[in-house]
Amino acid sequence: MDFFPEILTQYIETHSTAEDPQLAALNRETHIKHQLPQMVSGHQQGLLLELLSSMLQPQQILEIGTFTGYSAICLSKGLAAGGRLHTIDINNELEGITTKYYDLTGVSDRIVQYFGNAVDIIPTIKGTFELVFIDADKQNYARYFDLVIDRVPAGGFILADNVLWSGRVADVKHDKDTAALHAFNQKVQADDRVTNLLLSVRDGLLLIRKN
């Protein structure tokens, strides 16, 4: 996921607002205790998510794919007063670390955590979502998009992570996850209901605004 030389990555970090100490601790604990720590959003992307959320000030956010809660914390910081972030993950063994850091960062009252299959859970959550963040199983990205697009109001955003997939989406030969992500990127590009921009932040972040 390193698209920039290390010297530029360090420069970017140096000239960005410093990582919150509690988020830095979550980042460290994720890297120590979990087999796939690269799944955590991390400082640069997390700060971008916080800034985007703060600009929108949504009443309701949907996050598909919680992992250890880093992105949920960042997104929740931009909620309007009384707003809620609904976050879904398939792995209920993560509840200990997510709950711990929701409490430490003071956002536990803004976050509603669900464990199970997002396809089944999304229809049970009432209302619209001014902001949706998709960061779960790659082969279902298109399905998640279809489930939420009609519940995002005009001017709302859908964000999709890992859409460059370490650069493999540009290859001729695709494994199943890469093929699914490439198909998702093409699907969004062809959808006249949205305006989209693919950013080369970390592993690729697709910004999708509902027209």
N, C-alpha and C. Protein backbone atom coordinates (compact mmCIF):
# COMPACT_ATOMS: atom_id res chain seq x y z
N MET A 1 0.81 -1.20 0.00
CA MET A 1 0.00 0.00 0.00
C MET A 1 0.85 1.27 0.00
N ASP A 2 2.16 1.12 -0.23
CA ASP A 2 3.04 2.27 -0.24
C ASP A 2 3.21 2.79 -1.66
N PHE A 3 2.45 3.83 -2.02
CA PHE A 3 2.50 4.40 -3.36
C PHE A 3 3.49 5.54 -3.46
N PHE A 4 3.99 6.01 -2.31
CA PHE A 4 4.93 7.12 -2.27
C PHE A 4 6.25 6.66 -1.66
N PRO A 5 7.35 7.29 -2.07
CA PRO A 5 8.63 7.00 -1.40
C PRO A 5 8.51 7.34 0.09
N GLU A 6 9.23 6.60 0.92
CA GLU A 6 9.17 6.80 2.37
C GLU A 6 9.44 8.24 2.77
N ILE A 7 10.36 8.90 2.07
CA ILE A 7 10.70 10.28 2.43
C ILE A 7 9.49 11.21 2.25
N LEU A 8 8.65 10.94 1.21
CA LEU A 8 7.45 11.75 1.02
C LEU A 8 6.37 11.41 2.05
N THR A 9 6.27 10.13 2.40
CA THR A 9 5.33 9.73 3.44
C THR A 9 5.65 10.43 4.75
N GLN A 10 6.93 10.48 5.10
CA GLN A 10 7.34 11.16 6.32
C GLN A 10 7.05 12.66 6.25
N TYR A 11 7.25 13.24 5.06
CA TYR A 11 6.97 14.67 4.88
C TYR A 11 5.48 14.95 5.08
N ILE A 12 4.63 14.09 4.52
CA ILE A 12 3.18 14.24 4.67
C ILE A 12 2.80 14.17 6.14
N GLU A 13 3.35 13.20 6.86
CA GLU A 13 3.04 13.05 8.28
C GLU A 13 3.50 14.28 9.06
N THR A 14 4.67 14.80 8.74
CA THR A 14 5.23 15.95 9.45
C THR A 14 4.39 17.20 9.25
N HIS A 15 3.74 17.30 8.10
CA HIS A 15 2.98 18.50 7.77
C HIS A 15 1.47 18.25 7.84
N SER A 16 1.08 17.31 8.68
CA SER A 16 -0.33 17.07 8.99
C SER A 16 -0.51 17.15 10.50
N THR A 17 -1.71 17.49 10.94
CA THR A 17 -1.99 17.53 12.37
C THR A 17 -1.62 16.19 13.01
N ALA A 18 -0.97 16.25 14.15
CA ALA A 18 -0.47 15.04 14.80
C ALA A 18 -1.60 14.09 15.18
N GLU A 19 -1.29 12.81 15.19
CA GLU A 19 -2.26 11.79 15.54
C GLU A 19 -2.66 11.92 17.01
N ASP A 20 -3.96 11.81 17.26
CA ASP A 20 -4.46 11.82 18.63
C ASP A 20 -3.78 10.68 19.42
N PRO A 21 -3.31 10.95 20.65
CA PRO A 21 -2.59 9.93 21.43
C PRO A 21 -3.39 8.64 21.62
N GLN A 22 -4.69 8.75 21.84
CA GLN A 22 -5.50 7.54 22.03
C GLN A 22 -5.61 6.75 20.72
N LEU A 23 -5.70 7.45 19.59
CA LEU A 23 -5.73 6.76 18.30
C LEU A 23 -4.37 6.12 18.01
N ALA A 24 -3.30 6.80 18.40
CA ALA A 24 -1.96 6.21 18.23
C ALA A 24 -1.84 4.93 19.05
N ALA A 25 -2.41 4.95 20.26
CA ALA A 25 -2.38 3.75 21.10
C ALA A 25 -3.19 2.62 20.48
N LEU A 26 -4.34 2.96 19.89
CA LEU A 26 -5.15 1.96 19.20
C LEU A 26 -4.40 1.39 18.01
N ASN A 27 -3.72 2.27 17.27
CA ASN A 27 -2.92 1.83 16.13
C ASN A 27 -1.85 0.84 16.58
N ARG A 28 -1.15 1.16 17.66
CA ARG A 28 -0.09 0.28 18.18
C ARG A 28 -0.67 -1.05 18.64
N GLU A 29 -1.76 -1.00 19.39
CA GLU A 29 -2.36 -2.25 19.89
C GLU A 29 -2.84 -3.13 18.74
N THR A 30 -3.40 -2.51 17.71
CA THR A 30 -3.83 -3.27 16.54
C THR A 30 -2.65 -3.99 15.90
N HIS A 31 -1.52 -3.29 15.77
CA HIS A 31 -0.34 -3.90 15.14
C HIS A 31 0.28 -4.99 16.01
N ILE A 32 0.12 -4.88 17.30
CA ILE A 32 0.68 -5.89 18.21
C ILE A 32 -0.17 -7.15 18.27
N LYS A 33 -1.49 -6.98 18.26
CA LYS A 33 -2.40 -8.08 18.60
C LYS A 33 -3.12 -8.71 17.42
N HIS A 34 -3.08 -8.11 16.23
CA HIS A 34 -3.89 -8.63 15.14
C HIS A 34 -3.02 -9.03 13.94
N GLN A 35 -3.46 -10.09 13.26
CA GLN A 35 -2.68 -10.67 12.17
C GLN A 35 -2.64 -9.79 10.94
N LEU A 36 -3.66 -8.98 10.72
CA LEU A 36 -3.72 -8.12 9.53
C LEU A 36 -3.84 -6.66 9.96
N PRO A 37 -2.82 -6.13 10.63
CA PRO A 37 -2.91 -4.76 11.16
C PRO A 37 -3.01 -3.70 10.07
N GLN A 38 -2.62 -4.03 8.83
CA GLN A 38 -2.71 -3.06 7.75
C GLN A 38 -4.15 -2.69 7.43
N MET A 39 -5.11 -3.43 7.99
CA MET A 39 -6.52 -3.12 7.77
C MET A 39 -6.97 -1.87 8.53
N VAL A 40 -6.18 -1.44 9.52
CA VAL A 40 -6.55 -0.24 10.27
C VAL A 40 -6.38 1.00 9.38
N SER A 41 -7.27 1.97 9.53
CA SER A 41 -7.20 3.16 8.67
C SER A 41 -5.92 3.94 8.86
N GLY A 42 -5.49 4.12 10.10
CA GLY A 42 -4.24 4.83 10.35
C GLY A 42 -4.39 6.33 10.30
N HIS A 43 -3.29 7.02 10.61
CA HIS A 43 -3.32 8.46 10.85
C HIS A 43 -3.78 9.27 9.64
N GLN A 44 -3.13 9.09 8.49
CA GLN A 44 -3.43 9.94 7.33
C GLN A 44 -4.86 9.77 6.86
N GLN A 45 -5.28 8.53 6.67
CA GLN A 45 -6.65 8.31 6.19
C GLN A 45 -7.66 8.64 7.28
N GLY A 46 -7.34 8.31 8.52
CA GLY A 46 -8.25 8.62 9.60
C GLY A 46 -8.52 10.10 9.73
N LEU A 47 -7.48 10.91 9.59
CA LEU A 47 -7.65 12.36 9.66
C LEU A 47 -8.49 12.86 8.49
N LEU A 48 -8.30 12.28 7.31
CA LEU A 48 -9.12 12.66 6.15
C LEU A 48 -10.59 12.33 6.42
N LEU A 49 -10.86 11.14 6.98
CA LEU A 49 -12.23 10.77 7.29
C LEU A 49 -12.85 11.74 8.30
N GLU A 50 -12.07 12.12 9.31
CA GLU A 50 -12.55 13.07 10.31
C GLU A 50 -12.89 14.42 9.67
N LEU A 51 -12.02 14.90 8.79
CA LEU A 51 -12.25 16.19 8.15
C LEU A 51 -13.46 16.15 7.22
N LEU A 52 -13.61 15.08 6.46
CA LEU A 52 -14.77 14.96 5.57
C LEU A 52 -16.06 14.91 6.38
N SER A 53 -16.05 14.14 7.46
CA SER A 53 -17.23 14.05 8.31
C SER A 53 -17.55 15.40 8.94
N SER A 54 -16.51 16.11 9.37
CA SER A 54 -16.71 17.41 10.00
C SER A 54 -17.30 18.43 9.01
N MET A 55 -16.91 18.33 7.75
CA MET A 55 -17.47 19.23 6.73
C MET A 55 -18.94 18.94 6.49
N LEU A 56 -19.31 17.67 6.49
CA LEU A 56 -20.69 17.28 6.23
C LEU A 56 -21.58 17.42 7.46
N GLN A 57 -21.01 17.22 8.64
CA GLN A 57 -21.75 17.21 9.90
C GLN A 57 -23.02 16.36 9.79
N PRO A 58 -22.87 15.09 9.47
CA PRO A 58 -24.04 14.23 9.25
C PRO A 58 -24.78 13.92 10.55
N GLN A 59 -26.06 13.66 10.41
CA GLN A 59 -26.85 13.17 11.54
C GLN A 59 -26.68 11.67 11.70
N GLN A 60 -26.42 10.99 10.58
CA GLN A 60 -26.31 9.54 10.66
C GLN A 60 -25.26 9.05 9.66
N ILE A 61 -24.32 8.25 10.17
CA ILE A 61 -23.26 7.65 9.36
C ILE A 61 -23.43 6.14 9.42
N LEU A 62 -23.19 5.48 8.30
CA LEU A 62 -23.12 4.02 8.26
C LEU A 62 -21.71 3.61 7.90
N GLU A 63 -21.12 2.75 8.70
CA GLU A 63 -19.80 2.19 8.39
C GLU A 63 -19.94 0.68 8.24
N ILE A 64 -19.48 0.17 7.11
CA ILE A 64 -19.53 -1.27 6.85
C ILE A 64 -18.10 -1.80 6.95
N GLY A 65 -17.78 -2.44 8.06
CA GLY A 65 -16.44 -2.90 8.34
C GLY A 65 -15.80 -2.07 9.43
N THR A 66 -15.86 -2.54 10.67
CA THR A 66 -15.36 -1.78 11.82
C THR A 66 -13.89 -2.03 12.09
N PHE A 67 -13.46 -3.29 11.98
CA PHE A 67 -12.15 -3.77 12.42
C PHE A 67 -11.94 -3.34 13.88
N THR A 68 -10.86 -2.63 14.22
CA THR A 68 -10.61 -2.29 15.62
C THR A 68 -11.15 -0.92 16.00
N GLY A 69 -11.89 -0.27 15.12
CA GLY A 69 -12.62 0.93 15.49
C GLY A 69 -11.97 2.26 15.18
N TYR A 70 -10.79 2.23 14.55
CA TYR A 70 -10.08 3.48 14.28
C TYR A 70 -10.91 4.43 13.41
N SER A 71 -11.39 3.93 12.29
CA SER A 71 -12.15 4.79 11.37
C SER A 71 -13.48 5.23 11.97
N ALA A 72 -14.11 4.35 12.76
CA ALA A 72 -15.37 4.72 13.42
C ALA A 72 -15.17 5.92 14.34
N ILE A 73 -14.09 5.89 15.10
CA ILE A 73 -13.78 7.00 16.00
C ILE A 73 -13.58 8.29 15.21
N CYS A 74 -12.80 8.21 14.14
CA CYS A 74 -12.51 9.40 13.33
C CYS A 74 -13.79 9.95 12.71
N LEU A 75 -14.60 9.10 12.11
CA LEU A 75 -15.83 9.54 11.47
C LEU A 75 -16.80 10.14 12.49
N SER A 76 -16.88 9.54 13.66
CA SER A 76 -17.85 9.98 14.67
C SER A 76 -17.56 11.39 15.17
N LYS A 77 -16.31 11.83 15.05
CA LYS A 77 -15.94 13.16 15.54
C LYS A 77 -16.61 14.28 14.75
N GLY A 78 -17.06 13.98 13.53
CA GLY A 78 -17.69 15.01 12.71
C GLY A 78 -19.21 15.02 12.76
N LEU A 79 -19.80 14.13 13.55
CA LEU A 79 -21.26 14.05 13.63
C LEU A 79 -21.88 15.35 14.13
N ALA A 80 -23.05 15.66 13.64
CA ALA A 80 -23.84 16.77 14.19
C ALA A 80 -24.27 16.41 15.60
N ALA A 81 -24.66 17.40 16.38
CA ALA A 81 -25.12 17.17 17.75
C ALA A 81 -26.26 16.15 17.75
N GLY A 82 -26.12 15.13 18.58
CA GLY A 82 -27.13 14.09 18.65
C GLY A 82 -27.04 13.04 17.56
N GLY A 83 -26.04 13.15 16.68
CA GLY A 83 -25.89 12.20 15.58
C GLY A 83 -25.38 10.85 16.04
N ARG A 84 -25.53 9.85 15.16
CA ARG A 84 -25.08 8.50 15.49
C ARG A 84 -24.33 7.88 14.31
N LEU A 85 -23.32 7.12 14.65
CA LEU A 85 -22.61 6.31 13.67
C LEU A 85 -22.96 4.85 13.91
N HIS A 86 -23.46 4.19 12.89
CA HIS A 86 -23.79 2.77 12.96
C HIS A 86 -22.67 2.01 12.26
N THR A 87 -22.00 1.12 12.97
CA THR A 87 -20.86 0.40 12.38
C THR A 87 -21.06 -1.10 12.52
N ILE A 88 -20.76 -1.82 11.45
CA ILE A 88 -21.04 -3.25 11.36
C ILE A 88 -19.75 -4.02 11.09
N ASP A 89 -19.55 -5.12 11.82
CA ASP A 89 -18.43 -6.01 11.53
C ASP A 89 -18.87 -7.45 11.71
N ILE A 90 -18.29 -8.35 10.95
CA ILE A 90 -18.65 -9.76 11.02
C ILE A 90 -18.04 -10.45 12.22
N ASN A 91 -16.96 -9.87 12.79
CA ASN A 91 -16.16 -10.53 13.82
C ASN A 91 -16.44 -9.95 15.20
N ASN A 92 -17.25 -10.68 16.00
CA ASN A 92 -17.60 -10.16 17.32
C ASN A 92 -16.45 -10.27 18.34
N GLU A 93 -15.35 -10.93 17.96
CA GLU A 93 -14.19 -10.99 18.86
C GLU A 93 -13.49 -9.64 18.97
N LEU A 94 -13.84 -8.70 18.11
CA LEU A 94 -13.23 -7.37 18.14
C LEU A 94 -13.91 -6.43 19.12
N GLU A 95 -15.00 -6.86 19.72
CA GLU A 95 -15.79 -5.96 20.56
C GLU A 95 -15.00 -5.40 21.74
N GLY A 96 -14.10 -6.20 22.31
CA GLY A 96 -13.32 -5.74 23.45
C GLY A 96 -12.47 -4.52 23.12
N ILE A 97 -11.75 -4.57 22.00
CA ILE A 97 -10.87 -3.45 21.66
C ILE A 97 -11.66 -2.25 21.16
N THR A 98 -12.74 -2.48 20.41
CA THR A 98 -13.52 -1.34 19.93
C THR A 98 -14.17 -0.59 21.09
N THR A 99 -14.79 -1.33 22.00
CA THR A 99 -15.45 -0.70 23.15
C THR A 99 -14.45 0.05 24.00
N LYS A 100 -13.29 -0.54 24.21
CA LYS A 100 -12.25 0.10 25.01
C LYS A 100 -11.87 1.47 24.45
N TYR A 101 -11.66 1.54 23.16
CA TYR A 101 -11.19 2.81 22.57
C TYR A 101 -12.34 3.78 22.28
N TYR A 102 -13.55 3.30 22.11
CA TYR A 102 -14.68 4.23 22.06
C TYR A 102 -14.78 4.98 23.38
N ASP A 103 -14.59 4.27 24.48
CA ASP A 103 -14.64 4.89 25.81
C ASP A 103 -13.46 5.85 26.01
N LEU A 104 -12.26 5.42 25.66
CA LEU A 104 -11.07 6.23 25.88
C LEU A 104 -11.10 7.53 25.08
N THR A 105 -11.69 7.49 23.89
CA THR A 105 -11.74 8.69 23.04
C THR A 105 -13.01 9.50 23.24
N GLY A 106 -13.88 9.04 24.12
CA GLY A 106 -15.07 9.81 24.47
C GLY A 106 -16.16 9.83 23.43
N VAL A 107 -16.23 8.79 22.58
CA VAL A 107 -17.24 8.80 21.52
C VAL A 107 -18.24 7.65 21.66
N SER A 108 -18.20 6.93 22.76
CA SER A 108 -19.04 5.74 22.89
C SER A 108 -20.52 6.04 22.80
N ASP A 109 -20.93 7.26 23.20
CA ASP A 109 -22.34 7.62 23.14
C ASP A 109 -22.79 7.97 21.73
N ARG A 110 -21.84 8.07 20.78
CA ARG A 110 -22.19 8.41 19.39
C ARG A 110 -22.21 7.19 18.48
N ILE A 111 -21.75 6.04 18.98
CA ILE A 111 -21.53 4.88 18.12
C ILE A 111 -22.45 3.73 18.53
N VAL A 112 -23.11 3.14 17.53
CA VAL A 112 -23.91 1.94 17.72
C VAL A 112 -23.20 0.82 16.96
N GLN A 113 -22.78 -0.21 17.70
CA GLN A 113 -21.99 -1.31 17.12
C GLN A 113 -22.88 -2.51 16.83
N TYR A 114 -22.70 -3.10 15.66
CA TYR A 114 -23.42 -4.31 15.28
C TYR A 114 -22.40 -5.37 14.87
N PHE A 115 -22.71 -6.64 15.17
CA PHE A 115 -21.89 -7.74 14.71
C PHE A 115 -22.76 -8.73 13.94
N GLY A 116 -22.29 -9.11 12.76
CA GLY A 116 -23.04 -10.03 11.91
C GLY A 116 -22.85 -9.67 10.46
N ASN A 117 -23.71 -10.22 9.62
CA ASN A 117 -23.64 -10.01 8.18
C ASN A 117 -24.26 -8.66 7.82
N ALA A 118 -23.46 -7.78 7.23
CA ALA A 118 -23.93 -6.43 6.91
C ALA A 118 -25.12 -6.46 5.96
N VAL A 119 -25.17 -7.42 5.06
CA VAL A 119 -26.28 -7.51 4.10
C VAL A 119 -27.61 -7.67 4.84
N ASP A 120 -27.57 -8.41 5.95
CA ASP A 120 -28.78 -8.61 6.74
C ASP A 120 -29.06 -7.44 7.69
N ILE A 121 -28.01 -6.81 8.19
CA ILE A 121 -28.17 -5.77 9.22
C ILE A 121 -28.56 -4.42 8.62
N ILE A 122 -28.00 -4.06 7.48
CA ILE A 122 -28.26 -2.73 6.90
C ILE A 122 -29.75 -2.43 6.77
N PRO A 123 -30.58 -3.36 6.26
CA PRO A 123 -32.01 -3.04 6.13
C PRO A 123 -32.72 -2.81 7.46
N THR A 124 -32.14 -3.26 8.57
CA THR A 124 -32.79 -3.09 9.88
C THR A 124 -32.51 -1.73 10.51
N ILE A 125 -31.55 -0.98 9.96
CA ILE A 125 -31.21 0.34 10.51
C ILE A 125 -32.08 1.38 9.82
N LYS A 126 -32.83 2.13 10.61
CA LYS A 126 -33.80 3.06 10.05
C LYS A 126 -33.15 4.38 9.63
N GLY A 127 -33.79 5.05 8.68
CA GLY A 127 -33.37 6.39 8.30
C GLY A 127 -32.44 6.43 7.11
N THR A 128 -31.93 7.64 6.84
CA THR A 128 -31.00 7.86 5.75
C THR A 128 -29.60 8.05 6.31
N PHE A 129 -28.61 7.97 5.43
CA PHE A 129 -27.20 8.11 5.82
C PHE A 129 -26.56 9.21 4.96
N GLU A 130 -26.18 10.30 5.60
CA GLU A 130 -25.51 11.36 4.85
C GLU A 130 -24.08 10.99 4.50
N LEU A 131 -23.56 9.97 5.19
CA LEU A 131 -22.19 9.50 4.93
C LEU A 131 -22.14 8.00 5.16
N VAL A 132 -21.57 7.30 4.19
CA VAL A 132 -21.38 5.85 4.28
C VAL A 132 -19.92 5.55 4.00
N PHE A 133 -19.32 4.68 4.81
CA PHE A 133 -17.94 4.25 4.60
C PHE A 133 -17.92 2.74 4.42
N ILE A 134 -17.49 2.28 3.25
CA ILE A 134 -17.43 0.85 2.93
C ILE A 134 -15.98 0.38 3.04
N ASP A 135 -15.74 -0.53 3.96
CA ASP A 135 -14.38 -1.06 4.17
C ASP A 135 -14.49 -2.47 4.71
N ALA A 136 -15.14 -3.34 3.96
CA ALA A 136 -15.38 -4.71 4.41
C ALA A 136 -14.93 -5.69 3.32
N ASP A 137 -15.59 -6.84 3.23
CA ASP A 137 -15.21 -7.86 2.26
C ASP A 137 -15.38 -7.31 0.84
N LYS A 138 -14.32 -7.43 0.07
CA LYS A 138 -14.22 -6.72 -1.21
C LYS A 138 -15.21 -7.24 -2.25
N GLN A 139 -15.53 -8.53 -2.20
CA GLN A 139 -16.41 -9.09 -3.21
C GLN A 139 -17.86 -8.63 -3.06
N ASN A 140 -18.17 -7.99 -1.94
CA ASN A 140 -19.54 -7.49 -1.73
C ASN A 140 -19.66 -5.97 -1.86
N TYR A 141 -18.60 -5.28 -2.29
CA TYR A 141 -18.67 -3.82 -2.40
C TYR A 141 -19.85 -3.37 -3.26
N ALA A 142 -20.03 -3.99 -4.40
CA ALA A 142 -21.12 -3.59 -5.30
C ALA A 142 -22.47 -3.82 -4.64
N ARG A 143 -22.57 -4.91 -3.90
CA ARG A 143 -23.84 -5.21 -3.21
C ARG A 143 -24.12 -4.19 -2.12
N TYR A 144 -23.09 -3.81 -1.36
CA TYR A 144 -23.27 -2.79 -0.33
C TYR A 144 -23.70 -1.46 -0.96
N PHE A 145 -23.06 -1.12 -2.07
CA PHE A 145 -23.42 0.12 -2.77
C PHE A 145 -24.90 0.12 -3.15
N ASP A 146 -25.36 -1.00 -3.69
CA ASP A 146 -26.76 -1.09 -4.09
C ASP A 146 -27.70 -1.01 -2.89
N LEU A 147 -27.28 -1.51 -1.76
CA LEU A 147 -28.11 -1.48 -0.56
C LEU A 147 -28.26 -0.08 0.03
N VAL A 148 -27.25 0.77 -0.19
CA VAL A 148 -27.27 2.08 0.48
C VAL A 148 -27.56 3.26 -0.43
N ILE A 149 -27.37 3.13 -1.74
CA ILE A 149 -27.42 4.30 -2.62
C ILE A 149 -28.76 5.03 -2.54
N ASP A 150 -29.86 4.30 -2.42
CA ASP A 150 -31.17 4.96 -2.36
C ASP A 150 -31.46 5.53 -0.98
N ARG A 151 -30.59 5.25 -0.01
CA ARG A 151 -30.78 5.77 1.35
C ARG A 151 -29.83 6.92 1.65
N VAL A 152 -29.05 7.31 0.65
CA VAL A 152 -28.17 8.47 0.77
C VAL A 152 -28.86 9.65 0.10
N PRO A 153 -29.08 10.75 0.81
CA PRO A 153 -29.75 11.91 0.20
C PRO A 153 -28.85 12.62 -0.79
N ALA A 154 -29.42 13.46 -1.62
CA ALA A 154 -28.62 14.28 -2.54
C ALA A 154 -27.63 15.10 -1.73
N GLY A 155 -26.38 15.09 -2.19
CA GLY A 155 -25.31 15.78 -1.47
C GLY A 155 -24.60 14.92 -0.46
N GLY A 156 -25.15 13.74 -0.17
CA GLY A 156 -24.49 12.80 0.73
C GLY A 156 -23.35 12.07 0.04
N PHE A 157 -22.51 11.43 0.84
CA PHE A 157 -21.31 10.78 0.31
C PHE A 157 -21.24 9.31 0.69
N ILE A 158 -20.73 8.52 -0.24
CA ILE A 158 -20.29 7.15 0.02
C ILE A 158 -18.78 7.12 -0.20
N LEU A 159 -18.04 6.59 0.75
CA LEU A 159 -16.59 6.43 0.64
C LEU A 159 -16.28 4.95 0.60
N ALA A 160 -15.42 4.54 -0.29
CA ALA A 160 -15.04 3.13 -0.39
C ALA A 160 -13.52 3.00 -0.31
N ASP A 161 -13.06 2.17 0.62
CA ASP A 161 -11.63 2.02 0.87
C ASP A 161 -11.04 0.86 0.05
N ASN A 162 -9.73 0.87 -0.11
CA ASN A 162 -8.96 -0.22 -0.74
C ASN A 162 -9.28 -0.41 -2.22
N VAL A 163 -9.72 0.65 -2.90
CA VAL A 163 -10.15 0.49 -4.28
C VAL A 163 -8.99 0.40 -5.27
N LEU A 164 -7.77 0.62 -4.82
CA LEU A 164 -6.60 0.38 -5.68
C LEU A 164 -5.98 -0.99 -5.41
N TRP A 165 -6.24 -1.52 -4.20
CA TRP A 165 -5.86 -2.90 -3.86
C TRP A 165 -4.39 -3.18 -4.17
N SER A 166 -3.55 -2.32 -3.57
CA SER A 166 -2.10 -2.39 -3.75
C SER A 166 -1.69 -2.28 -5.22
N GLY A 167 -2.51 -1.61 -6.02
CA GLY A 167 -2.21 -1.40 -7.43
C GLY A 167 -2.66 -2.52 -8.35
N ARG A 168 -3.21 -3.58 -7.76
CA ARG A 168 -3.56 -4.74 -8.59
C ARG A 168 -4.75 -4.50 -9.50
N VAL A 169 -5.59 -3.50 -9.20
CA VAL A 169 -6.76 -3.25 -10.06
C VAL A 169 -6.34 -2.84 -11.47
N ALA A 170 -5.13 -2.34 -11.63
CA ALA A 170 -4.65 -1.93 -12.95
C ALA A 170 -4.01 -3.07 -13.73
N ASP A 171 -3.86 -4.24 -13.11
CA ASP A 171 -3.27 -5.39 -13.78
C ASP A 171 -4.27 -6.02 -14.75
N VAL A 172 -3.74 -6.76 -15.71
CA VAL A 172 -4.61 -7.46 -16.67
C VAL A 172 -5.27 -8.66 -16.01
N LYS A 173 -4.49 -9.41 -15.21
CA LYS A 173 -5.01 -10.61 -14.56
C LYS A 173 -5.49 -10.26 -13.15
N HIS A 174 -6.71 -10.70 -12.81
CA HIS A 174 -7.31 -10.37 -11.52
C HIS A 174 -7.69 -11.62 -10.74
N ASP A 175 -7.36 -11.65 -9.44
CA ASP A 175 -7.95 -12.65 -8.57
C ASP A 175 -9.37 -12.19 -8.23
N LYS A 176 -10.10 -12.96 -7.43
CA LYS A 176 -11.51 -12.66 -7.20
C LYS A 176 -11.71 -11.31 -6.53
N ASP A 177 -10.92 -11.00 -5.50
CA ASP A 177 -11.08 -9.72 -4.81
C ASP A 177 -10.73 -8.55 -5.73
N THR A 178 -9.64 -8.70 -6.47
CA THR A 178 -9.24 -7.63 -7.39
C THR A 178 -10.28 -7.42 -8.47
N ALA A 179 -10.79 -8.52 -9.02
CA ALA A 179 -11.82 -8.42 -10.06
C ALA A 179 -13.07 -7.74 -9.51
N ALA A 180 -13.44 -8.05 -8.27
CA ALA A 180 -14.63 -7.45 -7.66
C ALA A 180 -14.43 -5.95 -7.47
N LEU A 181 -13.25 -5.55 -7.02
CA LEU A 181 -12.98 -4.13 -6.82
C LEU A 181 -12.94 -3.37 -8.15
N HIS A 182 -12.32 -3.99 -9.15
CA HIS A 182 -12.29 -3.36 -10.47
C HIS A 182 -13.71 -3.20 -11.02
N ALA A 183 -14.54 -4.22 -10.86
CA ALA A 183 -15.92 -4.15 -11.33
C ALA A 183 -16.70 -3.08 -10.55
N PHE A 184 -16.43 -2.97 -9.26
CA PHE A 184 -17.08 -1.94 -8.44
C PHE A 184 -16.69 -0.54 -8.92
N ASN A 185 -15.39 -0.33 -9.16
CA ASN A 185 -14.93 0.97 -9.65
C ASN A 185 -15.60 1.33 -10.98
N GLN A 186 -15.72 0.34 -11.85
CA GLN A 186 -16.38 0.57 -13.14
C GLN A 186 -17.87 0.84 -12.97
N LYS A 187 -18.49 0.13 -12.05
CA LYS A 187 -19.92 0.31 -11.78
C LYS A 187 -20.21 1.74 -11.32
N VAL A 188 -19.40 2.24 -10.40
CA VAL A 188 -19.58 3.60 -9.90
C VAL A 188 -19.32 4.61 -11.01
N GLN A 189 -18.28 4.36 -11.79
CA GLN A 189 -17.93 5.28 -12.88
C GLN A 189 -19.08 5.41 -13.88
N ALA A 190 -19.84 4.35 -14.08
CA ALA A 190 -20.92 4.35 -15.07
C ALA A 190 -22.25 4.84 -14.51
N ASP A 191 -22.31 5.12 -13.22
CA ASP A 191 -23.57 5.47 -12.56
C ASP A 191 -23.79 6.98 -12.63
N ASP A 192 -24.80 7.41 -13.37
CA ASP A 192 -25.03 8.85 -13.55
C ASP A 192 -25.74 9.49 -12.36
N ARG A 193 -26.00 8.71 -11.32
CA ARG A 193 -26.59 9.28 -10.09
C ARG A 193 -25.54 9.91 -9.19
N VAL A 194 -24.25 9.71 -9.53
CA VAL A 194 -23.19 10.13 -8.62
C VAL A 194 -22.09 10.88 -9.35
N THR A 195 -21.31 11.63 -8.56
CA THR A 195 -20.05 12.21 -9.01
C THR A 195 -18.96 11.56 -8.18
N ASN A 196 -17.90 11.06 -8.83
CA ASN A 196 -16.92 10.26 -8.09
C ASN A 196 -15.49 10.69 -8.40
N LEU A 197 -14.63 10.52 -7.38
CA LEU A 197 -13.21 10.83 -7.49
C LEU A 197 -12.43 9.76 -6.77
N LEU A 198 -11.50 9.10 -7.48
CA LEU A 198 -10.66 8.07 -6.88
C LEU A 198 -9.36 8.71 -6.43
N LEU A 199 -9.12 8.68 -5.13
CA LEU A 199 -7.93 9.28 -4.54
C LEU A 199 -6.89 8.21 -4.24
N SER A 200 -5.61 8.57 -4.43
CA SER A 200 -4.52 7.64 -4.13
C SER A 200 -4.05 7.81 -2.69
N VAL A 201 -4.99 7.85 -1.76
CA VAL A 201 -4.68 7.89 -0.34
C VAL A 201 -4.53 6.46 0.15
N ARG A 202 -3.36 6.14 0.71
CA ARG A 202 -3.04 4.78 1.14
C ARG A 202 -3.38 3.78 0.03
N ASP A 203 -4.39 2.92 0.25
CA ASP A 203 -4.69 1.86 -0.72
C ASP A 203 -5.81 2.25 -1.68
N GLY A 204 -6.06 3.56 -1.78
CA GLY A 204 -7.11 4.03 -2.68
C GLY A 204 -8.40 4.28 -1.95
N LEU A 205 -8.92 5.50 -2.06
CA LEU A 205 -10.19 5.87 -1.42
C LEU A 205 -11.08 6.49 -2.50
N LEU A 206 -12.23 5.89 -2.73
CA LEU A 206 -13.16 6.39 -3.74
C LEU A 206 -14.22 7.26 -3.07
N LEU A 207 -14.25 8.54 -3.45
CA LEU A 207 -15.25 9.49 -2.94
C LEU A 207 -16.40 9.53 -3.93
N ILE A 208 -17.60 9.27 -3.44
CA ILE A 208 -18.79 9.19 -4.28
C ILE A 208 -19.85 10.12 -3.70
N ARG A 209 -20.22 11.17 -4.43
CA ARG A 209 -21.27 12.07 -3.98
C ARG A 209 -22.57 11.78 -4.73
N LYS A 210 -23.65 11.65 -3.98
CA LYS A 210 -24.96 11.47 -4.59
C LYS A 210 -25.41 12.80 -5.20
N ASN A 211 -25.72 12.79 -6.49
CA ASN A 211 -26.13 14.02 -7.18
C ASN A 211 -27.52 14.48 -6.75
